Amino acid sequence: MATIILENLPDKLIEQIQKLAQQHNQSINEQIISILQQAVEKPQTPLKFLISPETDPTWEERRKAVPQLQAQIDQSPRLNPLDYESPDSTELIRENREKENRPPAKIGTDYVK
């Protein structure tokens, strides 16, 4: 059997699971397994999207238009920001960090101030 470690569970949730375990004369582990089994076995209702064939009568028409729109996008010329004298974003980020006296972010990490 596999082992799952759950972190940062809210105290209130732990209390509720403990109460359920006591009511059912089960260990906390047994109660959690029971809850997970019930959740997995319960029939899942299909997701309803805000825009779908069921909610939008023009869905199929718009879906058929996608290849043509994609072809138009592919044929349109690519714009180069340098042609419009747009500043290099790398340089802007560097300047911003220097203003804030922040070290550059390390690859694979997030910087939170």
C-alpha atoms as a PDB file:
ATOM      1  CA  MET A   1       0.000   0.000   0.000  1.00  0.00           C
ATOM      2  CA  ALA A   2       1.071   3.546  -0.682  1.00  0.00           C
ATOM      3  CA  THR A   3       1.607   6.304   1.839  1.00  0.00           C
ATOM      4  CA  ILE A   4       0.250   9.804   1.293  1.00  0.00           C
ATOM      5  CA  ILE A   5       1.395  12.767   3.346  1.00  0.00           C
ATOM      6  CA  LEU A   6      -0.952  15.740   3.528  1.00  0.00           C
ATOM      7  CA  GLU A   7       0.401  19.080   4.651  1.00  0.00           C
ATOM      8  CA  ASN A   8      -1.280  22.274   5.814  1.00  0.00           C
ATOM      9  CA  LEU A   9      -4.615  20.721   6.707  1.00  0.00           C
ATOM     10  CA  PRO A  10      -6.866  23.212   8.493  1.00  0.00           C
ATOM     11  CA  ASP A  11      -7.307  22.484  12.209  1.00  0.00           C
ATOM     12  CA  LYS A  12     -11.081  22.528  11.834  1.00  0.00           C
ATOM     13  CA  LEU A  13     -10.914  19.812   9.156  1.00  0.00           C
ATOM     14  CA  ILE A  14      -8.733  17.626  11.404  1.00  0.00           C
ATOM     15  CA  GLU A  15     -11.237  18.074  14.242  1.00  0.00           C
ATOM     16  CA  GLN A  16     -14.121  17.079  11.960  1.00  0.00           C
ATOM     17  CA  ILE A  17     -12.275  13.960  10.788  1.00  0.00           C
ATOM     18  CA  GLN A  18     -11.440  13.041  14.393  1.00  0.00           C
ATOM     19  CA  LYS A  19     -15.116  13.370  15.375  1.00  0.00           C
ATOM     20  CA  LEU A  20     -16.204  11.226  12.431  1.00  0.00           C
ATOM     21  CA  ALA A  21     -13.607   8.600  13.315  1.00  0.00           C
ATOM     22  CA  GLN A  22     -14.864   8.481  16.917  1.00  0.00           C
ATOM     23  CA  GLN A  23     -18.491   8.234  15.778  1.00  0.00           C
ATOM     24  CA  HIS A  24     -17.642   5.307  13.485  1.00  0.00           C
ATOM     25  CA  ASN A  25     -15.226   3.646  15.929  1.00  0.00           C
ATOM     26  CA  GLN A  26     -12.395   3.992  13.425  1.00  0.00           C
ATOM     27  CA  SER A  27      -8.879   5.296  13.507  1.00  0.00           C
ATOM     28  CA  ILE A  28      -8.265   8.616  11.793  1.00  0.00           C
ATOM     29  CA  ASN A  29      -6.440   6.748   9.022  1.00  0.00           C
ATOM     30  CA  GLU A  30      -9.401   4.389   8.494  1.00  0.00           C
ATOM     31  CA  GLN A  31     -11.813   7.324   8.447  1.00  0.00           C
ATOM     32  CA  ILE A  32      -9.771   9.206   5.853  1.00  0.00           C
ATOM     33  CA  ILE A  33      -9.600   6.083   3.657  1.00  0.00           C
ATOM     34  CA  SER A  34     -13.375   5.715   3.989  1.00  0.00           C
ATOM     35  CA  ILE A  35     -13.938   9.358   3.016  1.00  0.00           C
ATOM     36  CA  LEU A  36     -11.644   9.011  -0.004  1.00  0.00           C
ATOM     37  CA  GLN A  37     -13.365   5.800  -1.137  1.00  0.00           C
ATOM     38  CA  GLN A  38     -16.779   7.449  -0.913  1.00  0.00           C
ATOM     39  CA  ALA A  39     -15.560  10.446  -2.893  1.00  0.00           C
ATOM     40  CA  VAL A  40     -14.067   8.280  -5.640  1.00  0.00           C
ATOM     41  CA  GLU A  41     -17.059   5.936  -5.899  1.00  0.00           C
ATOM     42  CA  LYS A  42     -19.626   8.746  -5.919  1.00  0.00           C
ATOM     43  CA  PRO A  43     -20.821   9.412  -9.472  1.00  0.00           C
ATOM     44  CA  GLN A  44     -19.273  12.626 -10.710  1.00  0.00           C
ATOM     45  CA  THR A  45     -21.504  15.088 -12.492  1.00  0.00           C
ATOM     46  CA  PRO A  46     -20.003  16.167 -15.802  1.00  0.00           C
ATOM     47  CA  LEU A  47     -18.484  19.620 -15.868  1.00  0.00           C
ATOM     48  CA  LYS A  48     -20.585  22.277 -17.504  1.00  0.00           C
ATOM     49  CA  PHE A  49     -18.644  24.944 -19.273  1.00  0.00           C
ATOM     50  CA  LEU A  50     -19.870  28.502 -19.599  1.00  0.00           C
ATOM     51  CA  ILE A  51     -19.635  28.193 -23.362  1.00  0.00           C
ATOM     52  CA  SER A  52     -20.478  24.780 -24.754  1.00  0.00           C
ATOM     53  CA  PRO A  53     -22.808  23.190 -27.315  1.00  0.00           C
ATOM     54  CA  GLU A  54     -25.445  22.966 -24.572  1.00  0.00           C
ATOM     55  CA  THR A  55     -25.263  26.653 -23.649  1.00  0.00           C
ATOM     56  CA  ASP A  56     -24.450  28.360 -26.944  1.00  0.00           C
ATOM     57  CA  PRO A  57     -26.401  27.744 -30.165  1.00  0.00           C
ATOM     58  CA  THR A  58     -23.578  29.227 -32.263  1.00  0.00           C
ATOM     59  CA  TRP A  59     -20.973  26.823 -30.832  1.00  0.00           C
ATOM     60  CA  GLU A  60     -20.720  24.530 -33.850  1.00  0.00           C
ATOM     61  CA  GLU A  61     -20.614  27.443 -36.282  1.00  0.00           C
ATOM     62  CA  ARG A  62     -17.784  29.088 -34.351  1.00  0.00           C
ATOM     63  CA  ARG A  63     -15.944  25.785 -33.963  1.00  0.00           C
ATOM     64  CA  LYS A  64     -15.970  25.316 -37.742  1.00  0.00           C
ATOM     65  CA  ALA A  65     -14.527  28.821 -38.194  1.00  0.00           C
ATOM     66  CA  VAL A  66     -11.404  28.048 -36.136  1.00  0.00           C
ATOM     67  CA  PRO A  67      -9.254  26.573 -38.966  1.00  0.00           C
ATOM     68  CA  GLN A  68      -9.930  29.590 -41.191  1.00  0.00           C
ATOM     69  CA  LEU A  69      -9.107  32.017 -38.378  1.00  0.00           C
ATOM     70  CA  GLN A  70      -5.928  30.090 -37.596  1.00  0.00           C
ATOM     71  CA  ALA A  71      -4.892  30.262 -41.266  1.00  0.00           C
ATOM     72  CA  GLN A  72      -5.433  34.037 -41.247  1.00  0.00           C
ATOM     73  CA  ILE A  73      -3.304  34.383 -38.137  1.00  0.00           C
ATOM     74  CA  ASP A  74      -0.566  32.204 -39.633  1.00  0.00           C
ATOM     75  CA  GLN A  75      -0.530  34.299 -42.828  1.00  0.00           C
ATOM     76  CA  SER A  76      -0.423  37.679 -41.112  1.00  0.00           C
ATOM     77  CA  PRO A  77       3.034  39.241 -40.819  1.00  0.00           C
ATOM     78  CA  ARG A  78       4.830  38.924 -37.510  1.00  0.00           C
ATOM     79  CA  LEU A  79       5.449  42.210 -35.761  1.00  0.00           C
ATOM     80  CA  ASN A  80       8.828  42.908 -34.246  1.00  0.00           C
ATOM     81  CA  PRO A  81       8.684  45.164 -31.165  1.00  0.00           C
ATOM     82  CA  LEU A  82      12.102  46.557 -32.108  1.00  0.00           C
ATOM     83  CA  ASP A  83      10.505  48.065 -35.232  1.00  0.00           C
ATOM     84  CA  TYR A  84       8.371  50.218 -32.942  1.00  0.00           C
ATOM     85  CA  GLU A  85      11.192  51.273 -30.631  1.00  0.00           C
ATOM     86  CA  SER A  86       9.698  49.278 -27.772  1.00  0.00           C
ATOM     87  CA  PRO A  87      12.117  48.817 -24.885  1.00  0.00           C
ATOM     88  CA  ASP A  88      13.620  45.405 -24.235  1.00  0.00           C
ATOM     89  CA  SER A  89      11.681  43.774 -21.389  1.00  0.00           C
ATOM     90  CA  THR A  90      14.878  42.239 -19.995  1.00  0.00           C
ATOM     91  CA  GLU A  91      16.354  45.688 -19.600  1.00  0.00           C
ATOM     92  CA  LEU A  92      13.157  46.987 -17.947  1.00  0.00           C
ATOM     93  CA  ILE A  93      13.193  44.145 -15.420  1.00  0.00           C
ATOM     94  CA  ARG A  94      16.869  44.729 -14.669  1.00  0.00           C
ATOM     95  CA  GLU A  95      16.255  48.450 -14.094  1.00  0.00           C
ATOM     96  CA  ASN A  96      13.302  47.702 -11.842  1.00  0.00           C
ATOM     97  CA  ARG A  97      15.346  45.292  -9.718  1.00  0.00           C
ATOM     98  CA  GLU A  98      18.157  47.806  -9.415  1.00  0.00           C
ATOM     99  CA  LYS A  99      15.682  50.438  -8.190  1.00  0.00           C
ATOM    100  CA  GLU A 100      14.403  48.036  -5.542  1.00  0.00           C
ATOM    101  CA  ASN A 101      17.886  46.697  -4.701  1.00  0.00           C
ATOM    102  CA  ARG A 102      16.701  43.147  -5.310  1.00  0.00           C
ATOM    103  CA  PRO A 103      18.998  40.332  -6.339  1.00  0.00           C
ATOM    104  CA  PRO A 104      18.132  38.654  -9.637  1.00  0.00           C
ATOM    105  CA  ALA A 105      15.781  35.690  -9.293  1.00  0.00           C
ATOM    106  CA  LYS A 106      17.378  32.273  -9.393  1.00  0.00           C
ATOM    107  CA  ILE A 107      16.165  29.934 -12.105  1.00  0.00           C
ATOM    108  CA  GLY A 108      13.455  27.631 -10.802  1.00  0.00           C
ATOM    109  CA  THR A 109      12.551  29.756  -7.793  1.00  0.00           C
ATOM    110  CA  ASP A 110      10.010  32.430  -7.120  1.00  0.00           C
ATOM    111  CA  TYR A 111      10.901  35.695  -5.470  1.00  0.00           C
ATOM    112  CA  VAL A 112       8.333  36.931  -2.983  1.00  0.00           C
ATOM    113  CA  LYS A 113       8.824  40.312  -1.392  1.00  0.00           C
END
